[in-house]
N, C-alpha and C. Protein backbone atom coordinates (compact mmCIF):
# COMPACT_ATOMS: atom_id res chain seq x y z
N GLU A 1 148.32 148.89 65.73
CA GLU A 1 147.50 147.95 66.47
C GLU A 1 147.69 146.50 65.93
N GLU A 2 147.78 146.34 64.66
CA GLU A 2 147.96 144.98 64.07
C GLU A 2 149.23 144.40 64.58
N GLU A 3 150.34 145.17 64.64
CA GLU A 3 151.63 144.67 65.11
C GLU A 3 151.50 144.16 66.54
N GLU A 4 150.76 144.89 67.35
CA GLU A 4 150.65 144.49 68.81
C GLU A 4 149.91 143.18 68.86
N GLU A 5 148.79 143.00 68.07
CA GLU A 5 148.07 141.78 68.09
C GLU A 5 149.00 140.59 67.66
N GLU A 6 149.81 140.79 66.63
CA GLU A 6 150.75 139.70 66.16
C GLU A 6 151.67 139.35 67.28
N GLU A 7 152.24 140.37 68.01
CA GLU A 7 153.12 140.08 69.06
C GLU A 7 152.44 139.23 70.19
N GLU A 8 151.20 139.58 70.54
CA GLU A 8 150.42 138.83 71.53
C GLU A 8 150.23 137.42 71.07
N GLU A 9 149.90 137.23 69.85
CA GLU A 9 149.73 135.83 69.31
C GLU A 9 151.03 135.05 69.40
N GLY A 10 152.11 135.72 69.05
CA GLY A 10 153.37 135.06 69.07
C GLY A 10 153.77 134.57 70.47
N SER A 11 153.50 135.43 71.42
CA SER A 11 153.81 135.07 72.84
C SER A 11 152.94 133.96 73.31
N GLU A 12 151.71 133.92 72.88
CA GLU A 12 150.84 132.81 73.29
C GLU A 12 151.26 131.48 72.79
N SER A 13 151.76 131.45 71.48
CA SER A 13 152.10 130.21 70.87
C SER A 13 153.44 129.59 71.53
N SER A 14 154.24 130.47 72.17
CA SER A 14 155.44 129.90 72.77
C SER A 14 155.21 129.25 74.12
N SER A 15 154.08 129.63 74.76
CA SER A 15 153.75 129.01 76.03
C SER A 15 153.01 127.68 75.81
N PRO A 16 153.17 126.67 76.60
CA PRO A 16 152.50 125.38 76.37
C PRO A 16 151.01 125.50 76.51
N PRO A 17 150.23 124.85 75.63
CA PRO A 17 148.80 125.01 75.70
C PRO A 17 148.25 124.27 76.94
N VAL A 18 147.25 124.91 77.58
CA VAL A 18 146.63 124.35 78.73
C VAL A 18 145.65 123.32 78.38
N SER A 19 144.81 123.61 77.43
CA SER A 19 143.85 122.55 77.00
C SER A 19 143.64 122.71 75.46
N TYR A 20 143.18 121.66 74.82
CA TYR A 20 142.96 121.68 73.37
C TYR A 20 141.60 122.40 73.10
N GLN A 21 141.61 123.40 72.23
CA GLN A 21 140.43 124.12 71.96
C GLN A 21 140.12 124.03 70.49
N MET A 22 138.89 123.76 70.19
CA MET A 22 138.48 123.77 68.74
C MET A 22 138.29 125.15 68.25
N LYS A 23 138.51 125.35 66.91
CA LYS A 23 138.31 126.66 66.37
C LYS A 23 136.83 126.86 66.30
N PRO A 24 136.36 128.10 66.38
CA PRO A 24 134.89 128.26 66.37
C PRO A 24 134.23 127.84 65.10
N PRO A 25 132.96 127.37 65.15
CA PRO A 25 132.26 126.93 63.96
C PRO A 25 131.92 128.16 63.06
N PRO A 26 131.73 127.91 61.82
CA PRO A 26 131.38 128.99 60.90
C PRO A 26 130.13 129.78 61.37
N GLU A 27 130.05 131.02 61.00
CA GLU A 27 128.93 131.92 61.32
C GLU A 27 127.58 131.23 60.93
N GLY A 28 126.59 131.32 61.78
CA GLY A 28 125.27 130.78 61.46
C GLY A 28 125.05 129.30 61.78
N CYS A 29 126.14 128.65 62.31
CA CYS A 29 125.98 127.22 62.62
C CYS A 29 125.42 127.04 64.00
N CYS A 30 124.75 125.89 64.19
CA CYS A 30 124.23 125.56 65.46
C CYS A 30 125.37 125.07 66.33
N THR A 31 125.41 125.54 67.57
CA THR A 31 126.51 125.18 68.52
C THR A 31 125.92 124.52 69.75
N THR A 32 124.63 124.09 69.69
CA THR A 32 124.03 123.43 70.82
C THR A 32 124.54 122.04 71.05
N ASP A 33 124.86 121.67 72.27
CA ASP A 33 125.29 120.33 72.61
C ASP A 33 124.19 119.40 72.27
N GLY A 34 124.59 118.24 71.64
CA GLY A 34 123.63 117.21 71.21
C GLY A 34 123.08 117.45 69.84
N PHE A 35 123.40 118.50 69.18
CA PHE A 35 122.97 118.78 67.83
C PHE A 35 124.13 119.02 66.94
N CYS A 36 124.04 118.67 65.63
CA CYS A 36 125.10 118.99 64.73
C CYS A 36 125.03 120.38 64.27
N GLN A 37 126.02 120.86 63.56
CA GLN A 37 126.06 122.30 63.14
C GLN A 37 124.88 122.70 62.28
N ALA A 38 124.24 121.67 61.63
CA ALA A 38 123.05 121.95 60.81
C ALA A 38 121.79 122.07 61.69
N GLY A 39 121.96 121.80 62.99
CA GLY A 39 120.81 121.91 63.89
C GLY A 39 120.02 120.59 64.08
N LYS A 40 120.51 119.50 63.62
CA LYS A 40 119.82 118.16 63.73
C LYS A 40 120.21 117.50 65.04
N ASP A 41 119.23 116.93 65.72
CA ASP A 41 119.41 116.26 67.00
C ASP A 41 120.18 114.96 66.77
N LEU A 42 121.25 114.73 67.57
CA LEU A 42 122.05 113.52 67.41
C LEU A 42 121.99 112.66 68.71
N ARG A 43 121.17 113.05 69.70
CA ARG A 43 121.13 112.32 70.94
C ARG A 43 120.41 111.00 70.69
N LEU A 44 120.94 109.90 71.25
CA LEU A 44 120.40 108.55 71.02
C LEU A 44 118.95 108.56 71.53
N ILE A 45 118.65 109.16 72.66
CA ILE A 45 117.36 109.13 73.19
C ILE A 45 116.32 109.79 72.28
N SER A 46 116.74 110.71 71.44
CA SER A 46 115.87 111.44 70.52
C SER A 46 115.64 110.71 69.25
N ILE A 47 116.68 109.99 68.75
CA ILE A 47 116.57 109.38 67.38
C ILE A 47 116.64 107.85 67.45
N SER A 48 116.41 107.19 68.57
CA SER A 48 116.49 105.79 68.72
C SER A 48 115.45 105.06 67.86
N ASN A 49 114.32 105.68 67.56
CA ASN A 49 113.31 104.98 66.71
C ASN A 49 113.32 105.39 65.30
N GLU A 50 114.18 106.33 64.90
CA GLU A 50 114.27 106.81 63.48
C GLU A 50 115.03 105.80 62.63
N HIS A 51 114.64 105.79 61.39
CA HIS A 51 115.42 104.95 60.48
C HIS A 51 116.65 105.79 60.05
N ILE A 52 117.84 105.22 60.22
CA ILE A 52 119.08 105.93 59.89
C ILE A 52 119.75 105.17 58.83
N GLU A 53 120.09 105.85 57.79
CA GLU A 53 120.72 105.25 56.62
C GLU A 53 122.25 105.09 56.95
N VAL A 54 122.68 103.83 56.97
CA VAL A 54 124.08 103.52 57.29
C VAL A 54 124.76 102.89 56.09
N PRO A 55 125.72 103.56 55.48
CA PRO A 55 126.41 103.01 54.30
C PRO A 55 127.10 101.70 54.57
N SER A 56 127.26 100.90 53.58
CA SER A 56 127.97 99.59 53.70
C SER A 56 129.36 99.93 54.26
N GLY A 57 129.79 99.09 55.25
CA GLY A 57 131.11 99.28 55.81
C GLY A 57 131.16 100.25 57.00
N PHE A 58 130.01 100.88 57.35
CA PHE A 58 129.95 101.77 58.41
C PHE A 58 129.13 101.14 59.57
N LEU A 59 129.44 101.62 60.76
CA LEU A 59 128.67 101.22 61.99
C LEU A 59 128.16 102.42 62.71
N LEU A 60 127.03 102.31 63.35
CA LEU A 60 126.58 103.31 64.23
C LEU A 60 127.26 103.13 65.58
N VAL A 61 127.80 104.22 66.06
CA VAL A 61 128.46 104.20 67.39
C VAL A 61 127.95 105.37 68.23
N GLY A 62 128.09 105.28 69.54
CA GLY A 62 127.71 106.35 70.46
C GLY A 62 128.92 107.03 71.05
N ALA A 63 128.92 108.34 70.90
CA ALA A 63 130.00 109.19 71.42
C ALA A 63 129.50 109.85 72.69
N LYS A 64 130.45 109.89 73.67
CA LYS A 64 130.13 110.56 74.95
C LYS A 64 130.68 111.95 74.90
N SER A 65 129.75 112.94 75.15
CA SER A 65 130.12 114.29 75.20
C SER A 65 130.36 114.71 76.69
N PRO A 66 131.52 115.43 76.94
CA PRO A 66 131.74 115.87 78.33
C PRO A 66 130.65 116.82 78.82
N ASN A 67 129.98 117.49 77.86
CA ASN A 67 128.94 118.46 78.22
C ASN A 67 127.55 117.76 78.39
N LEU A 68 127.40 116.56 77.96
CA LEU A 68 126.14 115.86 78.06
C LEU A 68 126.37 114.46 78.64
N PRO A 69 126.72 114.36 79.90
CA PRO A 69 127.14 113.09 80.45
C PRO A 69 126.02 111.99 80.46
N ASP A 70 124.77 112.39 80.39
CA ASP A 70 123.68 111.45 80.37
C ASP A 70 123.19 111.03 78.98
N HIS A 71 123.90 111.54 77.97
CA HIS A 71 123.46 111.21 76.56
C HIS A 71 124.62 110.64 75.76
N LEU A 72 124.20 109.85 74.75
CA LEU A 72 125.14 109.38 73.71
C LEU A 72 124.80 110.15 72.41
N LEU A 73 125.81 110.53 71.68
CA LEU A 73 125.54 111.13 70.36
C LEU A 73 125.78 110.04 69.36
N VAL A 74 124.81 109.89 68.39
CA VAL A 74 124.87 108.78 67.42
C VAL A 74 125.74 109.28 66.24
N CYS A 75 126.71 108.43 65.91
CA CYS A 75 127.67 108.71 64.83
C CYS A 75 127.70 107.52 63.88
N ALA A 76 127.99 107.76 62.56
CA ALA A 76 128.23 106.69 61.60
C ALA A 76 129.73 106.71 61.32
N VAL A 77 130.46 105.63 61.61
CA VAL A 77 131.86 105.59 61.44
C VAL A 77 132.27 104.31 60.63
N ASP A 78 133.27 104.58 59.70
CA ASP A 78 133.82 103.47 58.94
C ASP A 78 134.39 102.41 59.89
N LYS A 79 133.96 101.23 59.80
CA LYS A 79 134.35 100.23 60.80
C LYS A 79 135.86 99.85 60.78
N ARG A 80 136.53 100.18 59.60
CA ARG A 80 137.93 99.92 59.45
C ARG A 80 138.74 100.77 60.42
N PHE A 81 138.15 101.89 60.90
CA PHE A 81 138.86 102.75 61.86
C PHE A 81 138.48 102.53 63.28
N LEU A 82 137.71 101.47 63.53
CA LEU A 82 137.35 101.06 64.85
C LEU A 82 138.08 99.81 65.27
N PRO A 83 138.44 99.63 66.48
CA PRO A 83 139.22 98.41 66.91
C PRO A 83 138.33 97.16 66.94
N ASP A 84 139.03 96.00 66.85
CA ASP A 84 138.36 94.73 66.93
C ASP A 84 138.06 94.53 68.46
N ASP A 85 137.44 93.38 68.79
CA ASP A 85 137.12 93.10 70.20
C ASP A 85 138.27 93.16 71.14
N ASN A 86 139.46 93.00 70.63
CA ASN A 86 140.65 92.95 71.49
C ASN A 86 141.35 94.33 71.56
N GLY A 87 140.70 95.34 70.89
CA GLY A 87 141.37 96.68 70.93
C GLY A 87 142.42 96.87 69.95
N HIS A 88 142.54 96.02 68.89
CA HIS A 88 143.62 96.14 67.92
C HIS A 88 143.01 96.25 66.52
N ASN A 89 143.93 96.37 65.55
CA ASN A 89 143.64 96.29 64.10
C ASN A 89 142.74 97.46 63.55
N ALA A 90 142.70 98.57 64.29
CA ALA A 90 142.00 99.73 63.72
C ALA A 90 143.00 100.53 62.86
N LEU A 91 142.54 100.85 61.65
CA LEU A 91 143.38 101.63 60.80
C LEU A 91 143.58 103.02 61.41
N LEU A 92 144.74 103.61 61.18
CA LEU A 92 144.96 104.97 61.63
C LEU A 92 144.11 105.94 60.76
N GLY A 93 143.59 106.94 61.35
CA GLY A 93 142.79 107.89 60.67
C GLY A 93 141.31 107.76 61.08
N PHE A 94 140.47 108.41 60.24
CA PHE A 94 139.07 108.46 60.58
C PHE A 94 138.27 108.64 59.32
N SER A 95 137.06 108.05 59.27
CA SER A 95 136.08 108.30 58.22
C SER A 95 134.75 108.27 58.88
N GLY A 96 133.94 109.34 58.80
CA GLY A 96 132.62 109.31 59.43
C GLY A 96 131.65 110.19 58.70
N ASN A 97 130.36 109.96 58.96
CA ASN A 97 129.27 110.68 58.44
C ASN A 97 128.36 111.22 59.51
N CYS A 98 127.72 112.34 59.29
CA CYS A 98 126.78 112.90 60.30
C CYS A 98 125.40 112.19 60.05
N VAL A 99 124.88 111.54 61.06
CA VAL A 99 123.54 110.92 60.89
C VAL A 99 122.41 111.95 61.00
N GLY A 100 122.69 113.14 61.49
CA GLY A 100 121.71 114.21 61.58
C GLY A 100 121.38 114.87 60.32
N CYS A 101 122.35 115.50 59.65
CA CYS A 101 122.14 116.22 58.48
C CYS A 101 122.52 115.45 57.20
N GLY A 102 123.22 114.37 57.41
CA GLY A 102 123.62 113.54 56.28
C GLY A 102 124.94 113.87 55.63
N LYS A 103 125.64 114.87 56.20
CA LYS A 103 126.90 115.30 55.60
C LYS A 103 127.87 114.07 55.67
N LYS A 104 128.50 113.78 54.55
CA LYS A 104 129.41 112.64 54.43
C LYS A 104 130.87 113.03 54.22
N GLY A 105 131.72 112.13 54.49
CA GLY A 105 133.10 112.24 54.10
C GLY A 105 134.05 112.97 55.10
N PHE A 106 133.64 112.94 56.36
CA PHE A 106 134.62 113.56 57.34
C PHE A 106 135.84 112.64 57.45
N CYS A 107 137.02 113.23 57.08
CA CYS A 107 138.23 112.48 57.09
C CYS A 107 139.10 112.61 58.35
N TYR A 108 138.69 113.57 59.20
CA TYR A 108 139.46 113.82 60.46
C TYR A 108 138.48 113.88 61.59
N PHE A 109 138.86 113.20 62.68
CA PHE A 109 137.95 113.15 63.81
C PHE A 109 137.77 114.59 64.39
N THR A 110 138.84 115.42 64.32
CA THR A 110 138.71 116.76 64.87
C THR A 110 137.59 117.51 64.06
N GLU A 111 137.65 117.41 62.73
CA GLU A 111 136.58 118.07 61.93
C GLU A 111 135.23 117.51 62.23
N PHE A 112 135.13 116.19 62.38
CA PHE A 112 133.86 115.57 62.69
C PHE A 112 133.36 115.95 64.04
N SER A 113 134.18 115.97 65.07
CA SER A 113 133.75 116.28 66.42
C SER A 113 133.32 117.78 66.47
N ASN A 114 133.93 118.62 65.67
CA ASN A 114 133.49 120.03 65.59
C ASN A 114 132.11 120.11 64.99
N HIS A 115 131.86 119.31 63.93
CA HIS A 115 130.58 119.36 63.25
C HIS A 115 129.43 118.86 64.18
N ILE A 116 129.72 117.80 65.03
CA ILE A 116 128.66 117.30 65.83
C ILE A 116 128.69 118.01 67.27
N ASN A 117 129.46 119.07 67.35
CA ASN A 117 129.47 119.88 68.60
C ASN A 117 129.94 119.07 69.75
N LEU A 118 130.85 118.08 69.59
CA LEU A 118 131.50 117.35 70.61
C LEU A 118 132.68 118.14 71.09
N LYS A 119 132.47 118.80 72.21
CA LYS A 119 133.52 119.75 72.62
C LYS A 119 134.61 118.98 73.44
N LEU A 120 135.76 118.85 72.80
CA LEU A 120 136.83 118.13 73.40
C LEU A 120 137.82 119.01 74.16
N THR A 121 138.21 118.62 75.31
CA THR A 121 139.18 119.43 76.10
C THR A 121 140.61 118.93 75.91
N THR A 122 140.81 117.70 75.42
CA THR A 122 142.17 117.20 75.17
C THR A 122 142.26 116.67 73.78
N GLN A 123 143.41 116.86 73.19
CA GLN A 123 143.61 116.33 71.79
C GLN A 123 144.03 114.83 71.73
N PRO A 124 144.90 114.34 72.62
CA PRO A 124 145.37 112.99 72.47
C PRO A 124 144.29 111.94 72.58
N LYS A 125 144.33 110.89 71.77
CA LYS A 125 143.34 109.80 71.80
C LYS A 125 141.92 110.28 71.80
N LYS A 126 141.67 111.30 71.02
CA LYS A 126 140.37 111.89 71.00
C LYS A 126 139.24 111.02 70.48
N GLN A 127 139.61 109.99 69.64
CA GLN A 127 138.57 109.07 69.14
C GLN A 127 138.05 108.19 70.24
N LYS A 128 138.68 108.13 71.37
CA LYS A 128 138.15 107.36 72.52
C LYS A 128 136.84 107.93 73.05
N HIS A 129 136.45 109.11 72.53
CA HIS A 129 135.10 109.59 72.88
C HIS A 129 133.98 108.76 72.24
N LEU A 130 134.39 107.92 71.23
CA LEU A 130 133.52 106.98 70.65
C LEU A 130 133.47 105.77 71.63
N LYS A 131 132.38 105.65 72.34
CA LYS A 131 132.38 104.72 73.52
C LYS A 131 131.68 103.38 73.26
N TYR A 132 130.55 103.38 72.54
CA TYR A 132 129.70 102.18 72.46
C TYR A 132 129.27 101.94 70.99
N TYR A 133 129.21 100.62 70.63
CA TYR A 133 128.53 100.28 69.43
C TYR A 133 127.05 100.42 69.67
N LEU A 134 126.27 100.83 68.68
CA LEU A 134 124.86 100.91 68.82
C LEU A 134 124.19 99.80 67.97
N VAL A 135 123.18 99.22 68.56
CA VAL A 135 122.49 98.06 67.94
C VAL A 135 121.02 98.24 68.05
N ARG A 136 120.33 97.58 67.17
CA ARG A 136 118.81 97.60 67.26
C ARG A 136 118.32 96.46 68.05
N ASN A 137 117.46 96.71 69.04
CA ASN A 137 116.93 95.60 69.83
C ASN A 137 115.73 94.93 69.11
N ALA A 138 115.05 93.99 69.79
CA ALA A 138 114.04 93.19 69.18
C ALA A 138 112.83 94.10 68.74
N GLN A 139 112.66 95.22 69.40
CA GLN A 139 111.56 96.13 69.00
C GLN A 139 112.02 97.16 67.95
N GLY A 140 113.23 97.03 67.49
CA GLY A 140 113.77 97.91 66.42
C GLY A 140 114.24 99.20 66.91
N THR A 141 114.38 99.37 68.25
CA THR A 141 114.90 100.61 68.81
C THR A 141 116.43 100.54 68.89
N LEU A 142 117.10 101.64 68.52
CA LEU A 142 118.53 101.74 68.59
C LEU A 142 118.91 101.89 70.05
N THR A 143 119.81 101.05 70.55
CA THR A 143 120.22 101.11 71.95
C THR A 143 121.68 100.92 72.05
N LYS A 144 122.21 101.16 73.26
CA LYS A 144 123.66 101.07 73.56
C LYS A 144 124.04 99.59 73.51
N GLY A 145 125.04 99.26 72.75
CA GLY A 145 125.51 97.90 72.74
C GLY A 145 126.82 97.72 73.47
N SER A 146 127.73 96.98 72.94
CA SER A 146 128.96 96.72 73.71
C SER A 146 129.91 97.91 73.60
N VAL A 147 130.80 97.96 74.60
CA VAL A 147 131.83 98.97 74.67
C VAL A 147 132.83 98.82 73.57
N ILE A 148 133.26 99.96 72.99
CA ILE A 148 134.37 99.96 72.01
C ILE A 148 135.63 99.82 72.80
N CYS A 149 136.40 98.77 72.48
CA CYS A 149 137.65 98.47 73.21
C CYS A 149 138.85 99.16 72.64
N TRP A 150 139.18 100.36 73.14
CA TRP A 150 140.32 101.07 72.67
C TRP A 150 141.49 100.71 73.51
N LYS A 151 142.59 100.30 72.89
CA LYS A 151 143.86 100.03 73.62
C LYS A 151 145.00 100.71 73.02
N GLY A 152 145.94 101.09 73.87
CA GLY A 152 147.24 101.67 73.45
C GLY A 152 147.12 102.54 72.33
């Protein structure tokens, strides 16, 4: 039986992938859209009035989830990996923290998106799911700010 399974896996890998699929999260993790794997709500509408600890050099940004079109997920991202206003000068790579459970040090966007249950269907330019800078308005509420300008 094991040999048959290996043969099936081998034949699958030779065919071109139809869409990019994340590996399943570890057993016991939350897989609900809008929540991190620790079960903390990341939707802007839910945490807009909460105090969120943002480390020096990081910015709060909103990610658009294909499964939650009406919501932004709040993320803390190292600003060095975000483009300037002209869509340039972003370092290659990623560094982010989960604002829900506080887990720090995500070095790969794929790993981070898996943690925040951002279900991606395509791999190329996946950081473009980070859509908006988030800012505090005069009332202290976290709101959608300017669009993150991703180019080329």
